[in-house]
Amino acid sequence: MFEPRRINPNDRLNVRQRIVVFAMNVSLLAELTICMYIGQQDSDTLSQFFLITFPPMAVATVIISRLLIRRLSGSDCK
């Protein structure tokens, strides 16, 4: 019924791209943690502070990571 999708070996991420994905995940978790920690210092403005700081940082992190992944797609480093 549900079979795993076959991925062409040429379409897989190389080592450098995987490092970028790992770094992006760690960065997003760190950004989330820092925003929540700093925001909880003043609980009245937690939501406002979080919504002003986290989404722009997260979007910037994802965009930069995607650009790096695309740029590194040409170099074969397996």
N, C-alpha and C. Protein backbone atom coordinates (compact mmCIF):
# COMPACT_ATOMS: atom_id res chain seq x y z
N MET A 1 0.83 -1.19 0.00
CA MET A 1 0.00 0.00 0.00
C MET A 1 0.88 1.26 0.00
N PHE A 2 1.71 1.40 1.02
CA PHE A 2 2.60 2.55 1.08
C PHE A 2 4.03 2.06 0.89
N GLU A 3 4.57 2.33 -0.25
CA GLU A 3 5.94 1.94 -0.53
C GLU A 3 6.83 3.17 -0.49
N PRO A 4 8.05 3.02 0.00
CA PRO A 4 8.94 4.17 0.02
C PRO A 4 9.28 4.63 -1.40
N ARG A 5 9.40 5.92 -1.55
CA ARG A 5 9.71 6.49 -2.84
C ARG A 5 11.18 6.25 -3.14
N ARG A 6 11.46 5.78 -4.34
CA ARG A 6 12.84 5.55 -4.75
C ARG A 6 13.50 6.88 -5.11
N ILE A 7 14.66 7.15 -4.54
CA ILE A 7 15.38 8.38 -4.81
C ILE A 7 16.60 8.05 -5.66
N ASN A 8 16.72 8.75 -6.75
CA ASN A 8 17.87 8.59 -7.61
C ASN A 8 19.13 8.99 -6.85
N PRO A 9 20.19 8.17 -6.86
CA PRO A 9 21.41 8.52 -6.14
C PRO A 9 21.99 9.88 -6.54
N ASN A 10 21.72 10.33 -7.75
CA ASN A 10 22.21 11.64 -8.18
C ASN A 10 21.45 12.79 -7.53
N ASP A 11 20.26 12.51 -7.00
CA ASP A 11 19.43 13.54 -6.38
C ASP A 11 19.64 13.67 -4.87
N ARG A 12 20.46 12.82 -4.31
CA ARG A 12 20.70 12.88 -2.86
C ARG A 12 21.64 14.02 -2.51
N LEU A 13 21.58 14.43 -1.24
CA LEU A 13 22.46 15.50 -0.78
C LEU A 13 23.88 14.96 -0.58
N ASN A 14 24.86 15.77 -0.95
CA ASN A 14 26.23 15.36 -0.70
C ASN A 14 26.60 15.72 0.75
N VAL A 15 27.82 15.41 1.13
CA VAL A 15 28.24 15.57 2.52
C VAL A 15 28.16 17.04 2.96
N ARG A 16 28.63 17.95 2.12
CA ARG A 16 28.61 19.37 2.49
C ARG A 16 27.18 19.88 2.63
N GLN A 17 26.29 19.43 1.77
CA GLN A 17 24.89 19.84 1.87
C GLN A 17 24.27 19.30 3.16
N ARG A 18 24.61 18.10 3.53
CA ARG A 18 24.09 17.53 4.77
C ARG A 18 24.58 18.31 5.99
N ILE A 19 25.82 18.77 5.93
CA ILE A 19 26.35 19.58 7.02
C ILE A 19 25.58 20.89 7.13
N VAL A 20 25.24 21.49 5.98
CA VAL A 20 24.47 22.73 5.98
C VAL A 20 23.08 22.49 6.58
N VAL A 21 22.45 21.38 6.23
CA VAL A 21 21.12 21.06 6.78
C VAL A 21 21.21 20.86 8.28
N PHE A 22 22.24 20.16 8.75
CA PHE A 22 22.42 19.95 10.18
C PHE A 22 22.63 21.29 10.90
N ALA A 23 23.49 22.14 10.32
CA ALA A 23 23.75 23.45 10.92
C ALA A 23 22.50 24.31 10.94
N MET A 24 21.67 24.20 9.90
CA MET A 24 20.42 24.97 9.86
C MET A 24 19.49 24.51 10.99
N ASN A 25 19.38 23.21 11.17
CA ASN A 25 18.51 22.70 12.23
C ASN A 25 18.99 23.14 13.61
N VAL A 26 20.28 23.06 13.84
CA VAL A 26 20.84 23.49 15.13
C VAL A 26 20.62 24.99 15.32
N SER A 27 20.83 25.77 14.26
CA SER A 27 20.63 27.22 14.33
C SER A 27 19.19 27.57 14.66
N LEU A 28 18.25 26.91 14.00
CA LEU A 28 16.83 27.19 14.27
C LEU A 28 16.46 26.85 15.71
N LEU A 29 16.97 25.73 16.21
CA LEU A 29 16.69 25.38 17.61
C LEU A 29 17.32 26.39 18.57
N ALA A 30 18.53 26.83 18.26
CA ALA A 30 19.18 27.83 19.11
C ALA A 30 18.42 29.16 19.08
N GLU A 31 17.99 29.57 17.89
CA GLU A 31 17.23 30.82 17.77
C GLU A 31 15.93 30.74 18.56
N LEU A 32 15.25 29.61 18.45
CA LEU A 32 14.00 29.43 19.18
C LEU A 32 14.24 29.49 20.69
N THR A 33 15.28 28.80 21.14
CA THR A 33 15.59 28.77 22.57
C THR A 33 15.95 30.16 23.08
N ILE A 34 16.79 30.86 22.34
CA ILE A 34 17.22 32.20 22.77
C ILE A 34 16.05 33.16 22.81
N CYS A 35 15.19 33.13 21.78
CA CYS A 35 14.03 34.03 21.75
C CYS A 35 13.08 33.74 22.91
N MET A 36 12.86 32.47 23.21
CA MET A 36 11.97 32.12 24.32
C MET A 36 12.60 32.52 25.65
N TYR A 37 13.90 32.31 25.80
CA TYR A 37 14.57 32.65 27.05
C TYR A 37 14.56 34.16 27.30
N ILE A 38 14.93 34.92 26.29
CA ILE A 38 14.95 36.38 26.47
C ILE A 38 13.53 36.91 26.63
N GLY A 39 12.59 36.36 25.88
CA GLY A 39 11.21 36.81 25.95
C GLY A 39 10.55 36.53 27.28
N GLN A 40 10.90 35.46 27.92
CA GLN A 40 10.25 35.11 29.20
C GLN A 40 10.70 36.01 30.34
N GLN A 41 11.73 36.82 30.12
CA GLN A 41 12.17 37.75 31.16
C GLN A 41 11.07 38.75 31.51
N ASP A 42 10.29 39.12 30.49
CA ASP A 42 9.14 40.01 30.70
C ASP A 42 7.92 39.30 30.13
N SER A 43 7.18 38.59 30.97
CA SER A 43 6.09 37.74 30.50
C SER A 43 4.94 38.53 29.87
N ASP A 44 4.85 39.83 30.15
CA ASP A 44 3.77 40.62 29.55
C ASP A 44 3.98 40.81 28.04
N THR A 45 5.22 40.85 27.62
CA THR A 45 5.50 41.10 26.20
C THR A 45 6.14 39.90 25.52
N LEU A 46 6.00 38.71 26.10
CA LEU A 46 6.62 37.51 25.53
C LEU A 46 6.16 37.26 24.10
N SER A 47 4.86 37.26 23.88
CA SER A 47 4.34 36.98 22.54
C SER A 47 4.79 38.01 21.53
N GLN A 48 4.72 39.26 21.90
CA GLN A 48 5.12 40.33 21.00
C GLN A 48 6.61 40.23 20.67
N PHE A 49 7.44 40.05 21.69
CA PHE A 49 8.89 39.92 21.47
C PHE A 49 9.19 38.73 20.59
N PHE A 50 8.56 37.60 20.87
CA PHE A 50 8.81 36.38 20.11
C PHE A 50 8.43 36.57 18.64
N LEU A 51 7.26 37.15 18.39
CA LEU A 51 6.81 37.33 17.00
C LEU A 51 7.62 38.39 16.25
N ILE A 52 8.23 39.30 16.96
CA ILE A 52 9.06 40.31 16.30
C ILE A 52 10.45 39.76 15.99
N THR A 53 10.98 38.88 16.83
CA THR A 53 12.36 38.44 16.67
C THR A 53 12.51 37.09 15.97
N PHE A 54 11.74 36.08 16.35
CA PHE A 54 11.98 34.75 15.82
C PHE A 54 11.66 34.58 14.34
N PRO A 55 10.49 34.97 13.84
CA PRO A 55 10.22 34.73 12.41
C PRO A 55 11.24 35.35 11.45
N PRO A 56 11.67 36.60 11.65
CA PRO A 56 12.69 37.12 10.72
C PRO A 56 14.01 36.34 10.78
N MET A 57 14.42 35.95 11.99
CA MET A 57 15.66 35.17 12.11
C MET A 57 15.51 33.81 11.45
N ALA A 58 14.36 33.17 11.66
CA ALA A 58 14.14 31.85 11.08
C ALA A 58 14.09 31.91 9.56
N VAL A 59 13.40 32.92 9.03
CA VAL A 59 13.32 33.06 7.57
C VAL A 59 14.71 33.31 6.99
N ALA A 60 15.49 34.16 7.63
CA ALA A 60 16.85 34.44 7.14
C ALA A 60 17.71 33.17 7.18
N THR A 61 17.59 32.40 8.24
CA THR A 61 18.36 31.17 8.36
C THR A 61 17.98 30.18 7.26
N VAL A 62 16.70 30.01 7.00
CA VAL A 62 16.25 29.07 5.98
C VAL A 62 16.68 29.54 4.59
N ILE A 63 16.55 30.83 4.30
CA ILE A 63 16.94 31.34 2.99
C ILE A 63 18.44 31.16 2.76
N ILE A 64 19.24 31.53 3.73
CA ILE A 64 20.69 31.37 3.60
C ILE A 64 21.06 29.90 3.43
N SER A 65 20.41 29.02 4.19
CA SER A 65 20.69 27.59 4.08
C SER A 65 20.32 27.06 2.71
N ARG A 66 19.17 27.47 2.19
CA ARG A 66 18.76 27.01 0.86
C ARG A 66 19.74 27.49 -0.21
N LEU A 67 20.20 28.73 -0.08
CA LEU A 67 21.17 29.23 -1.05
C LEU A 67 22.48 28.43 -0.98
N LEU A 68 22.92 28.14 0.23
CA LEU A 68 24.14 27.35 0.38
C LEU A 68 23.98 25.94 -0.17
N ILE A 69 22.84 25.32 0.07
CA ILE A 69 22.59 23.98 -0.43
C ILE A 69 22.60 23.97 -1.95
N ARG A 70 21.96 24.96 -2.57
CA ARG A 70 21.97 25.04 -4.04
C ARG A 70 23.37 25.29 -4.57
N ARG A 71 24.11 26.15 -3.89
CA ARG A 71 25.47 26.46 -4.34
C ARG A 71 26.39 25.25 -4.24
N LEU A 72 26.18 24.45 -3.22
CA LEU A 72 27.02 23.27 -3.01
C LEU A 72 26.57 22.06 -3.82
N SER A 73 25.49 22.18 -4.58
CA SER A 73 24.99 21.02 -5.32
C SER A 73 25.91 20.63 -6.46
N GLY A 74 26.66 21.58 -7.00
CA GLY A 74 27.56 21.28 -8.11
C GLY A 74 28.82 20.57 -7.68
N SER A 75 29.26 20.79 -6.44
CA SER A 75 30.50 20.17 -6.00
C SER A 75 30.20 18.77 -5.47
N ASP A 76 30.90 17.80 -6.01
CA ASP A 76 30.69 16.42 -5.60
C ASP A 76 31.71 16.07 -4.53
N CYS A 77 31.23 15.93 -3.30
CA CYS A 77 32.13 15.70 -2.16
C CYS A 77 31.66 14.50 -1.36
N LYS A 78 31.50 13.35 -2.01
CA LYS A 78 30.98 12.17 -1.32
C LYS A 78 32.11 11.31 -0.82
